Amino acid sequence: MMDVFQQGLRRHPQHLLVLLDEAAALVKQETRLVYLLTRSREVDLGSISLVLVATGDLLPYLDAASRSSFGVTRRLALAPYTREDLIEVLGARATLALRPGSFDREALDQIARIAAPNGDARFALELLAGAAHAAEDAGAESIQAEHVRRAKGSLLPTLSESQLEALSTHELGILLALSRSLRGKGSSVPSQKLRAAHAALLEELGGSAMSRTTFWRTLKELERDGLVTLEAAGSGESSRVAMDDLPASYLATLVEERLGRGAPRKA
């Protein structure tokens, strides 16, 4: 690779800005590439400015000569991508890769919400690709919330059968009401609507009504366990509740089976 690089520089001598992404892998392999690029004039490579991109501090892994080239002040720490940043990245990539009209802001926002805790743009783009394939496989005209959930469940499953088995009757009931409310109806649901759906479910099952305090305490427990996401709304609006770990239709089936088998943990 260096031979080809050198030949190109000699044929077209000019100042270059070289950016090495995932530089930690190169440095830890003890390759001489970084050293040669930092000593470009000395090794007849011409004038090169080098930028190393990594998720952690690279200086401890650089040899002394390379470390002296960078110094201790030539480091720029970049904050993780925010949710809005990820939406912008996803929008740009979707515009390039997908058919016009095959995605909307809600789908991009759902993907960004999933990836935002770690600010992981690569994971967000993998989710976008997975959701697009899921929509295509389903013969859908556009990416829907269920396609995003399917992609998330495939790429990074976090809801296990043992988790479901550990849930109380109250928690299972709210999850079932949520999954039914979300089927084909967007990426989240207002908490007031969820509470009404849960009340209707309890009536259907012949259960006792649940107080508002118990409903919210149970919802918070599900959020703590990473099974739902609660998002504050504007003044006078109901908070919104989301579930992104797997398709809502599949979760409804799992919870119905669990409730049907009986023996869930008591609330």
C-alpha atoms as a PDB file:
ATOM      1  CA  MET A   1       0.000   0.000   0.000  1.00  0.00           C
ATOM      2  CA  MET A   2       2.803   2.410   0.867  1.00  0.00           C
ATOM      3  CA  ASP A   3       4.543   1.683  -2.446  1.00  0.00           C
ATOM      4  CA  VAL A   4       1.418   2.672  -4.407  1.00  0.00           C
ATOM      5  CA  PHE A   5       1.003   5.730  -2.189  1.00  0.00           C
ATOM      6  CA  GLN A   6       4.615   6.809  -2.791  1.00  0.00           C
ATOM      7  CA  GLN A   7       4.346   6.318  -6.535  1.00  0.00           C
ATOM      8  CA  GLY A   8       1.227   8.459  -6.697  1.00  0.00           C
ATOM      9  CA  LEU A   9       2.866  11.240  -4.700  1.00  0.00           C
ATOM     10  CA  ARG A  10       5.918  11.281  -6.907  1.00  0.00           C
ATOM     11  CA  ARG A  11       3.834  11.469 -10.075  1.00  0.00           C
ATOM     12  CA  HIS A  12       1.624  14.247  -8.644  1.00  0.00           C
ATOM     13  CA  PRO A  13       3.583  16.075  -5.940  1.00  0.00           C
ATOM     14  CA  GLN A  14       1.324  18.235  -3.788  1.00  0.00           C
ATOM     15  CA  HIS A  15       0.522  18.858  -0.168  1.00  0.00           C
ATOM     16  CA  LEU A  16      -1.877  16.195   1.139  1.00  0.00           C
ATOM     17  CA  LEU A  17      -4.207  15.992   4.092  1.00  0.00           C
ATOM     18  CA  VAL A  18      -4.348  12.316   5.092  1.00  0.00           C
ATOM     19  CA  LEU A  19      -7.086  11.226   7.480  1.00  0.00           C
ATOM     20  CA  LEU A  20      -6.891   7.732   8.991  1.00  0.00           C
ATOM     21  CA  ASP A  21     -10.153   6.557  10.535  1.00  0.00           C
ATOM     22  CA  GLU A  22     -10.174   3.725  13.098  1.00  0.00           C
ATOM     23  CA  ALA A  23      -6.525   4.586  13.690  1.00  0.00           C
ATOM     24  CA  ALA A  24      -6.355   2.592  16.923  1.00  0.00           C
ATOM     25  CA  ALA A  25      -6.259  -0.658  14.944  1.00  0.00           C
ATOM     26  CA  LEU A  26      -3.312   0.565  12.866  1.00  0.00           C
ATOM     27  CA  VAL A  27      -1.363   1.838  15.856  1.00  0.00           C
ATOM     28  CA  LYS A  28      -1.917  -1.277  17.970  1.00  0.00           C
ATOM     29  CA  GLN A  29      -0.724  -3.463  15.083  1.00  0.00           C
ATOM     30  CA  GLU A  30       2.608  -1.649  15.410  1.00  0.00           C
ATOM     31  CA  THR A  31       2.588  -0.777  11.713  1.00  0.00           C
ATOM     32  CA  ARG A  32       5.146   1.811  10.566  1.00  0.00           C
ATOM     33  CA  LEU A  33       2.518   3.647   8.532  1.00  0.00           C
ATOM     34  CA  VAL A  34       1.875   6.351  11.113  1.00  0.00           C
ATOM     35  CA  TYR A  35       5.607   6.881  11.693  1.00  0.00           C
ATOM     36  CA  LEU A  36       6.299   7.212   7.947  1.00  0.00           C
ATOM     37  CA  LEU A  37       3.456   9.674   7.443  1.00  0.00           C
ATOM     38  CA  THR A  38       4.629  11.838  10.357  1.00  0.00           C
ATOM     39  CA  ARG A  39       8.124  11.822   8.825  1.00  0.00           C
ATOM     40  CA  SER A  40       6.900  12.323   5.261  1.00  0.00           C
ATOM     41  CA  ARG A  41       9.575  14.814   4.201  1.00  0.00           C
ATOM     42  CA  GLU A  42      12.398  12.749   5.700  1.00  0.00           C
ATOM     43  CA  VAL A  43      11.306   9.563   3.891  1.00  0.00           C
ATOM     44  CA  ASP A  44      10.686  11.289   0.556  1.00  0.00           C
ATOM     45  CA  LEU A  45       6.893  11.225   0.720  1.00  0.00           C
ATOM     46  CA  GLY A  46       6.527  14.971   0.340  1.00  0.00           C
ATOM     47  CA  SER A  47       4.393  17.319   2.400  1.00  0.00           C
ATOM     48  CA  ILE A  48       1.665  15.578   4.404  1.00  0.00           C
ATOM     49  CA  SER A  49      -0.627  16.708   7.203  1.00  0.00           C
ATOM     50  CA  LEU A  50      -1.893  13.709   9.153  1.00  0.00           C
ATOM     51  CA  VAL A  51      -5.119  13.381  11.146  1.00  0.00           C
ATOM     52  CA  LEU A  52      -5.802  10.267  13.231  1.00  0.00           C
ATOM     53  CA  VAL A  53      -9.385   9.477  14.210  1.00  0.00           C
ATOM     54  CA  ALA A  54     -10.079   7.088  17.069  1.00  0.00           C
ATOM     55  CA  THR A  55     -12.582   6.481  19.847  1.00  0.00           C
ATOM     56  CA  GLY A  56      -9.898   6.663  22.559  1.00  0.00           C
ATOM     57  CA  ASP A  57      -6.572   8.297  23.340  1.00  0.00           C
ATOM     58  CA  LEU A  58      -3.935   7.083  20.888  1.00  0.00           C
ATOM     59  CA  LEU A  59      -0.849   8.771  22.349  1.00  0.00           C
ATOM     60  CA  PRO A  60       0.020   5.955  24.790  1.00  0.00           C
ATOM     61  CA  TYR A  61       0.196   3.514  21.858  1.00  0.00           C
ATOM     62  CA  LEU A  62       2.346   5.646  19.554  1.00  0.00           C
ATOM     63  CA  ASP A  63       6.103   5.205  19.411  1.00  0.00           C
ATOM     64  CA  ALA A  64       8.122   8.037  20.894  1.00  0.00           C
ATOM     65  CA  ALA A  65       9.028   9.572  17.521  1.00  0.00           C
ATOM     66  CA  SER A  66       5.428   9.648  16.295  1.00  0.00           C
ATOM     67  CA  ARG A  67       4.204  10.926  19.653  1.00  0.00           C
ATOM     68  CA  SER A  68       6.625  13.838  19.510  1.00  0.00           C
ATOM     69  CA  SER A  69       5.293  14.777  16.068  1.00  0.00           C
ATOM     70  CA  PHE A  70       1.771  15.202  17.397  1.00  0.00           C
ATOM     71  CA  GLY A  71       2.664  16.691  20.782  1.00  0.00           C
ATOM     72  CA  VAL A  72       0.204  16.803  23.646  1.00  0.00           C
ATOM     73  CA  THR A  73      -1.828  19.835  22.561  1.00  0.00           C
ATOM     74  CA  ARG A  74      -2.803  18.752  19.067  1.00  0.00           C
ATOM     75  CA  ARG A  75      -5.810  16.745  20.122  1.00  0.00           C
ATOM     76  CA  LEU A  76      -9.436  17.584  19.476  1.00  0.00           C
ATOM     77  CA  ALA A  77     -12.100  15.804  21.491  1.00  0.00           C
ATOM     78  CA  LEU A  78     -15.393  15.487  19.625  1.00  0.00           C
ATOM     79  CA  ALA A  79     -18.634  15.080  21.519  1.00  0.00           C
ATOM     80  CA  PRO A  80     -20.789  12.032  20.677  1.00  0.00           C
ATOM     81  CA  TYR A  81     -23.477  12.585  18.088  1.00  0.00           C
ATOM     82  CA  THR A  82     -26.693  13.933  19.546  1.00  0.00           C
ATOM     83  CA  ARG A  83     -30.089  12.706  18.452  1.00  0.00           C
ATOM     84  CA  GLU A  84     -30.474  15.699  16.144  1.00  0.00           C
ATOM     85  CA  ASP A  85     -26.992  15.087  14.719  1.00  0.00           C
ATOM     86  CA  LEU A  86     -27.925  11.486  13.963  1.00  0.00           C
ATOM     87  CA  ILE A  87     -31.150  12.534  12.266  1.00  0.00           C
ATOM     88  CA  GLU A  88     -29.114  14.819  10.006  1.00  0.00           C
ATOM     89  CA  VAL A  89     -26.621  12.046   9.186  1.00  0.00           C
ATOM     90  CA  LEU A  90     -29.435   9.560   8.547  1.00  0.00           C
ATOM     91  CA  GLY A  91     -31.318  12.026   6.360  1.00  0.00           C
ATOM     92  CA  ALA A  92     -28.280  12.669   4.199  1.00  0.00           C
ATOM     93  CA  ARG A  93     -27.559   8.967   3.768  1.00  0.00           C
ATOM     94  CA  ALA A  94     -31.205   8.046   3.179  1.00  0.00           C
ATOM     95  CA  THR A  95     -31.509  10.724   0.513  1.00  0.00           C
ATOM     96  CA  LEU A  96     -28.556   9.201  -1.326  1.00  0.00           C
ATOM     97  CA  ALA A  97     -29.464   5.534  -0.882  1.00  0.00           C
ATOM     98  CA  LEU A  98     -33.261   5.258  -0.793  1.00  0.00           C
ATOM     99  CA  ARG A  99     -36.096   6.025  -3.153  1.00  0.00           C
ATOM    100  CA  PRO A 100     -37.835   9.371  -2.586  1.00  0.00           C
ATOM    101  CA  GLY A 101     -40.888   8.879  -0.398  1.00  0.00           C
ATOM    102  CA  SER A 102     -39.618   5.633   1.123  1.00  0.00           C
ATOM    103  CA  PHE A 103     -38.741   7.217   4.472  1.00  0.00           C
ATOM    104  CA  ASP A 104     -39.944  10.084   6.623  1.00  0.00           C
ATOM    105  CA  ARG A 105     -38.788  12.127   9.610  1.00  0.00           C
ATOM    106  CA  GLU A 106     -40.529   9.820  12.095  1.00  0.00           C
ATOM    107  CA  ALA A 107     -38.600   6.766  10.907  1.00  0.00           C
ATOM    108  CA  LEU A 108     -35.291   8.647  11.044  1.00  0.00           C
ATOM    109  CA  ASP A 109     -36.136   9.987  14.501  1.00  0.00           C
ATOM    110  CA  GLN A 110     -36.932   6.493  15.767  1.00  0.00           C
ATOM    111  CA  ILE A 111     -33.581   5.197  14.526  1.00  0.00           C
ATOM    112  CA  ALA A 112     -31.786   8.200  16.040  1.00  0.00           C
ATOM    113  CA  ARG A 113     -33.543   7.624  19.372  1.00  0.00           C
ATOM    114  CA  ILE A 114     -32.242   4.053  19.477  1.00  0.00           C
ATOM    115  CA  ALA A 115     -28.656   5.017  18.592  1.00  0.00           C
ATOM    116  CA  ALA A 116     -28.463   8.268  20.569  1.00  0.00           C
ATOM    117  CA  PRO A 117     -27.488   6.844  24.003  1.00  0.00           C
ATOM    118  CA  ASN A 118     -24.059   5.931  22.586  1.00  0.00           C
ATOM    119  CA  GLY A 119     -23.971   8.583  19.858  1.00  0.00           C
ATOM    120  CA  ASP A 120     -23.191   5.764  17.437  1.00  0.00           C
ATOM    121  CA  ALA A 121     -23.644   6.896  13.822  1.00  0.00           C
ATOM    122  CA  ARG A 122     -22.428   3.586  12.422  1.00  0.00           C
ATOM    123  CA  PHE A 123     -25.066   1.670  14.379  1.00  0.00           C
ATOM    124  CA  ALA A 124     -27.690   4.191  13.262  1.00  0.00           C
ATOM    125  CA  LEU A 125     -26.758   3.622   9.610  1.00  0.00           C
ATOM    126  CA  GLU A 126     -26.862  -0.151  10.107  1.00  0.00           C
ATOM    127  CA  LEU A 127     -30.347   0.229  11.565  1.00  0.00           C
ATOM    128  CA  LEU A 128     -31.392   2.333   8.581  1.00  0.00           C
ATOM    129  CA  ALA A 129     -30.121  -0.308   6.168  1.00  0.00           C
ATOM    130  CA  GLY A 130     -31.778  -3.104   8.157  1.00  0.00           C
ATOM    131  CA  ALA A 131     -35.085  -1.233   8.300  1.00  0.00           C
ATOM    132  CA  ALA A 132     -34.959  -0.582   4.554  1.00  0.00           C
ATOM    133  CA  HIS A 133     -34.383  -4.290   3.882  1.00  0.00           C
ATOM    134  CA  ALA A 134     -37.212  -5.212   6.272  1.00  0.00           C
ATOM    135  CA  ALA A 135     -39.574  -2.834   4.465  1.00  0.00           C
ATOM    136  CA  GLU A 136     -38.504  -4.233   1.102  1.00  0.00           C
ATOM    137  CA  ASP A 137     -38.994  -7.828   2.285  1.00  0.00           C
ATOM    138  CA  ALA A 138     -42.492  -6.909   3.509  1.00  0.00           C
ATOM    139  CA  GLY A 139     -43.362  -5.292   0.190  1.00  0.00           C
ATOM    140  CA  ALA A 140     -43.948  -1.951   1.914  1.00  0.00           C
ATOM    141  CA  GLU A 141     -43.752   1.347   0.090  1.00  0.00           C
ATOM    142  CA  SER A 142     -41.894   3.051   2.936  1.00  0.00           C
ATOM    143  CA  ILE A 143     -40.034   2.337   6.174  1.00  0.00           C
ATOM    144  CA  GLN A 144     -42.420   2.003   9.103  1.00  0.00           C
ATOM    145  CA  ALA A 145     -41.811   1.760  12.848  1.00  0.00           C
ATOM    146  CA  GLU A 146     -42.210  -2.035  12.790  1.00  0.00           C
ATOM    147  CA  HIS A 147     -39.437  -2.307  10.194  1.00  0.00           C
ATOM    148  CA  VAL A 148     -37.102  -0.323  12.452  1.00  0.00           C
ATOM    149  CA  ARG A 149     -37.993  -2.551  15.410  1.00  0.00           C
ATOM    150  CA  ARG A 150     -37.351  -5.629  13.315  1.00  0.00           C
ATOM    151  CA  ALA A 151     -33.925  -4.284  12.365  1.00  0.00           C
ATOM    152  CA  LYS A 152     -33.113  -3.454  15.995  1.00  0.00           C
ATOM    153  CA  GLY A 153     -34.167  -6.918  17.165  1.00  0.00           C
ATOM    154  CA  SER A 154     -31.997  -8.489  14.488  1.00  0.00           C
ATOM    155  CA  LEU A 155     -28.896  -6.344  14.995  1.00  0.00           C
ATOM    156  CA  LEU A 156     -28.896  -5.948  18.761  1.00  0.00           C
ATOM    157  CA  PRO A 157     -31.533  -8.032  20.566  1.00  0.00           C
ATOM    158  CA  THR A 158     -31.910  -6.922  24.172  1.00  0.00           C
ATOM    159  CA  LEU A 159     -35.239  -8.414  25.244  1.00  0.00           C
ATOM    160  CA  SER A 160     -34.877 -12.028  26.319  1.00  0.00           C
ATOM    161  CA  GLU A 161     -37.394 -14.673  27.341  1.00  0.00           C
ATOM    162  CA  SER A 162     -35.888 -14.705  30.834  1.00  0.00           C
ATOM    163  CA  GLN A 163     -36.631 -10.979  31.125  1.00  0.00           C
ATOM    164  CA  LEU A 164     -40.259 -11.577  30.235  1.00  0.00           C
ATOM    165  CA  GLU A 165     -40.476 -14.395  32.744  1.00  0.00           C
ATOM    166  CA  ALA A 166     -39.224 -12.070  35.482  1.00  0.00           C
ATOM    167  CA  LEU A 167     -41.879  -9.423  34.835  1.00  0.00           C
ATOM    168  CA  SER A 168     -44.878  -8.912  37.079  1.00  0.00           C
ATOM    169  CA  THR A 169     -48.485  -9.184  35.925  1.00  0.00           C
ATOM    170  CA  HIS A 170     -48.739  -5.376  35.951  1.00  0.00           C
ATOM    171  CA  GLU A 171     -45.625  -5.016  33.786  1.00  0.00           C
ATOM    172  CA  LEU A 172     -46.778  -7.667  31.315  1.00  0.00           C
ATOM    173  CA  GLY A 173     -50.182  -6.010  31.064  1.00  0.00           C
ATOM    174  CA  ILE A 174     -48.712  -2.619  30.236  1.00  0.00           C
ATOM    175  CA  LEU A 175     -46.320  -4.161  27.705  1.00  0.00           C
ATOM    176  CA  LEU A 176     -49.222  -5.931  26.031  1.00  0.00           C
ATOM    177  CA  ALA A 177     -51.293  -2.739  25.895  1.00  0.00           C
ATOM    178  CA  LEU A 178     -48.273  -0.869  24.488  1.00  0.00           C
ATOM    179  CA  SER A 179     -47.472  -3.465  21.846  1.00  0.00           C
ATOM    180  CA  ARG A 180     -51.098  -3.546  20.704  1.00  0.00           C
ATOM    181  CA  SER A 181     -51.183   0.258  20.557  1.00  0.00           C
ATOM    182  CA  LEU A 182     -47.990   0.405  18.497  1.00  0.00           C
ATOM    183  CA  ARG A 183     -48.834  -2.200  15.858  1.00  0.00           C
ATOM    184  CA  GLY A 184     -48.763  -0.322  12.575  1.00  0.00           C
ATOM    185  CA  LYS A 185     -49.413   2.991  14.327  1.00  0.00           C
ATOM    186  CA  GLY A 186     -46.118   4.806  14.614  1.00  0.00           C
ATOM    187  CA  SER A 187     -43.020   4.653  16.757  1.00  0.00           C
ATOM    188  CA  SER A 188     -44.548   5.855  20.048  1.00  0.00           C
ATOM    189  CA  VAL A 189     -47.885   6.427  21.746  1.00  0.00           C
ATOM    190  CA  PRO A 190     -49.088   9.145  24.154  1.00  0.00           C
ATOM    191  CA  SER A 191     -49.063   7.927  27.751  1.00  0.00           C
ATOM    192  CA  GLN A 192     -52.706   8.911  28.196  1.00  0.00           C
ATOM    193  CA  LYS A 193     -53.672   6.772  25.223  1.00  0.00           C
ATOM    194  CA  LEU A 194     -51.592   3.900  26.598  1.00  0.00           C
ATOM    195  CA  ARG A 195     -53.302   4.147  29.965  1.00  0.00           C
ATOM    196  CA  ALA A 196     -56.716   4.056  28.278  1.00  0.00           C
ATOM    197  CA  ALA A 197     -55.643   1.012  26.216  1.00  0.00           C
ATOM    198  CA  HIS A 198     -54.384  -0.674  29.379  1.00  0.00           C
ATOM    199  CA  ALA A 199     -57.672   0.007  31.177  1.00  0.00           C
ATOM    200  CA  ALA A 200     -59.548  -1.545  28.238  1.00  0.00           C
ATOM    201  CA  LEU A 201     -57.231  -4.562  28.355  1.00  0.00           C
ATOM    202  CA  LEU A 202     -57.850  -5.063  32.085  1.00  0.00           C
ATOM    203  CA  GLU A 203     -61.579  -4.936  31.439  1.00  0.00           C
ATOM    204  CA  GLU A 204     -61.169  -7.479  28.626  1.00  0.00           C
ATOM    205  CA  LEU A 205     -59.230  -9.811  30.907  1.00  0.00           C
ATOM    206  CA  GLY A 206     -61.548  -9.301  33.858  1.00  0.00           C
ATOM    207  CA  GLY A 207     -58.842  -7.661  35.961  1.00  0.00           C
ATOM    208  CA  SER A 208     -59.140  -4.904  38.527  1.00  0.00           C
ATOM    209  CA  ALA A 209     -58.641  -1.298  37.494  1.00  0.00           C
ATOM    210  CA  MET A 210     -55.152   0.141  38.073  1.00  0.00           C
ATOM    211  CA  SER A 211     -54.627   3.491  39.774  1.00  0.00           C
ATOM    212  CA  ARG A 212     -52.730   6.230  37.970  1.00  0.00           C
ATOM    213  CA  THR A 213     -49.957   6.027  40.573  1.00  0.00           C
ATOM    214  CA  THR A 214     -49.502   2.275  40.073  1.00  0.00           C
ATOM    215  CA  PHE A 215     -49.605   2.679  36.296  1.00  0.00           C
ATOM    216  CA  TRP A 216     -46.806   5.258  36.325  1.00  0.00           C
ATOM    217  CA  ARG A 217     -44.723   3.378  38.852  1.00  0.00           C
ATOM    218  CA  THR A 218     -44.923   0.256  36.705  1.00  0.00           C
ATOM    219  CA  LEU A 219     -44.113   2.223  33.553  1.00  0.00           C
ATOM    220  CA  LYS A 220     -41.042   3.685  35.267  1.00  0.00           C
ATOM    221  CA  GLU A 221     -39.928   0.179  36.257  1.00  0.00           C
ATOM    222  CA  LEU A 222     -40.165  -0.915  32.626  1.00  0.00           C
ATOM    223  CA  GLU A 223     -38.122   2.132  31.616  1.00  0.00           C
ATOM    224  CA  ARG A 224     -35.500   1.342  34.258  1.00  0.00           C
ATOM    225  CA  ASP A 225     -35.194  -2.187  32.848  1.00  0.00           C
ATOM    226  CA  GLY A 226     -34.698  -0.777  29.343  1.00  0.00           C
ATOM    227  CA  LEU A 227     -37.921  -2.255  27.965  1.00  0.00           C
ATOM    228  CA  VAL A 228     -39.645   1.037  27.133  1.00  0.00           C
ATOM    229  CA  THR A 229     -38.582   4.610  26.470  1.00  0.00           C
ATOM    230  CA  LEU A 230     -40.378   7.562  28.049  1.00  0.00           C
ATOM    231  CA  GLU A 231     -40.101  10.932  26.367  1.00  0.00           C
ATOM    232  CA  ALA A 232     -41.277  14.145  27.970  1.00  0.00           C
ATOM    233  CA  ALA A 233     -43.649  16.213  25.874  1.00  0.00           C
ATOM    234  CA  GLY A 234     -44.316  19.920  25.698  1.00  0.00           C
ATOM    235  CA  SER A 235     -46.404  21.824  28.187  1.00  0.00           C
ATOM    236  CA  GLY A 236     -49.948  20.492  28.374  1.00  0.00           C
ATOM    237  CA  GLU A 237     -49.103  17.433  26.274  1.00  0.00           C
ATOM    238  CA  SER A 238     -48.954  13.808  27.298  1.00  0.00           C
ATOM    239  CA  SER A 239     -45.562  12.085  27.558  1.00  0.00           C
ATOM    240  CA  ARG A 240     -44.879   9.544  24.847  1.00  0.00           C
ATOM    241  CA  VAL A 241     -43.999   5.891  25.327  1.00  0.00           C
ATOM    242  CA  ALA A 242     -41.948   3.856  22.852  1.00  0.00           C
ATOM    243  CA  MET A 243     -40.710   0.293  22.552  1.00  0.00           C
ATOM    244  CA  ASP A 244     -37.967  -0.329  19.992  1.00  0.00           C
ATOM    245  CA  ASP A 245     -36.484  -3.724  20.841  1.00  0.00           C
ATOM    246  CA  LEU A 246     -38.544  -5.938  18.538  1.00  0.00           C
ATOM    247  CA  PRO A 247     -41.692  -5.792  16.387  1.00  0.00           C
ATOM    248  CA  ALA A 248     -44.744  -4.844  18.431  1.00  0.00           C
ATOM    249  CA  SER A 249     -46.774  -7.641  16.853  1.00  0.00           C
ATOM    250  CA  TYR A 250     -44.175 -10.202  17.953  1.00  0.00           C
ATOM    251  CA  LEU A 251     -43.934  -8.775  21.469  1.00  0.00           C
ATOM    252  CA  ALA A 252     -47.733  -8.925  21.778  1.00  0.00           C
ATOM    253  CA  THR A 253     -47.623 -12.615  20.874  1.00  0.00           C
ATOM    254  CA  LEU A 254     -44.861 -13.325  23.415  1.00  0.00           C
ATOM    255  CA  VAL A 255     -46.678 -11.505  26.219  1.00  0.00           C
ATOM    256  CA  GLU A 256     -50.023 -13.115  25.382  1.00  0.00           C
ATOM    257  CA  GLU A 257     -48.349 -16.524  25.510  1.00  0.00           C
ATOM    258  CA  ARG A 258     -46.720 -15.649  28.813  1.00  0.00           C
ATOM    259  CA  LEU A 259     -49.982 -14.477  30.341  1.00  0.00           C
ATOM    260  CA  GLY A 260     -51.763 -17.491  28.896  1.00  0.00           C
ATOM    261  CA  ARG A 261     -49.291 -19.908  30.491  1.00  0.00           C
ATOM    262  CA  GLY A 262     -49.845 -18.193  33.817  1.00  0.00           C
ATOM    263  CA  ALA A 263     -47.426 -17.908  36.723  1.00  0.00           C
ATOM    264  CA  PRO A 264     -46.050 -14.435  36.013  1.00  0.00           C
ATOM    265  CA  ARG A 265     -44.501 -12.746  39.025  1.00  0.00           C
ATOM    266  CA  LYS A 266     -47.073 -11.004  41.168  1.00  0.00           C
ATOM    267  CA  ALA A 267     -47.070  -7.231  41.166  1.00  0.00           C
END
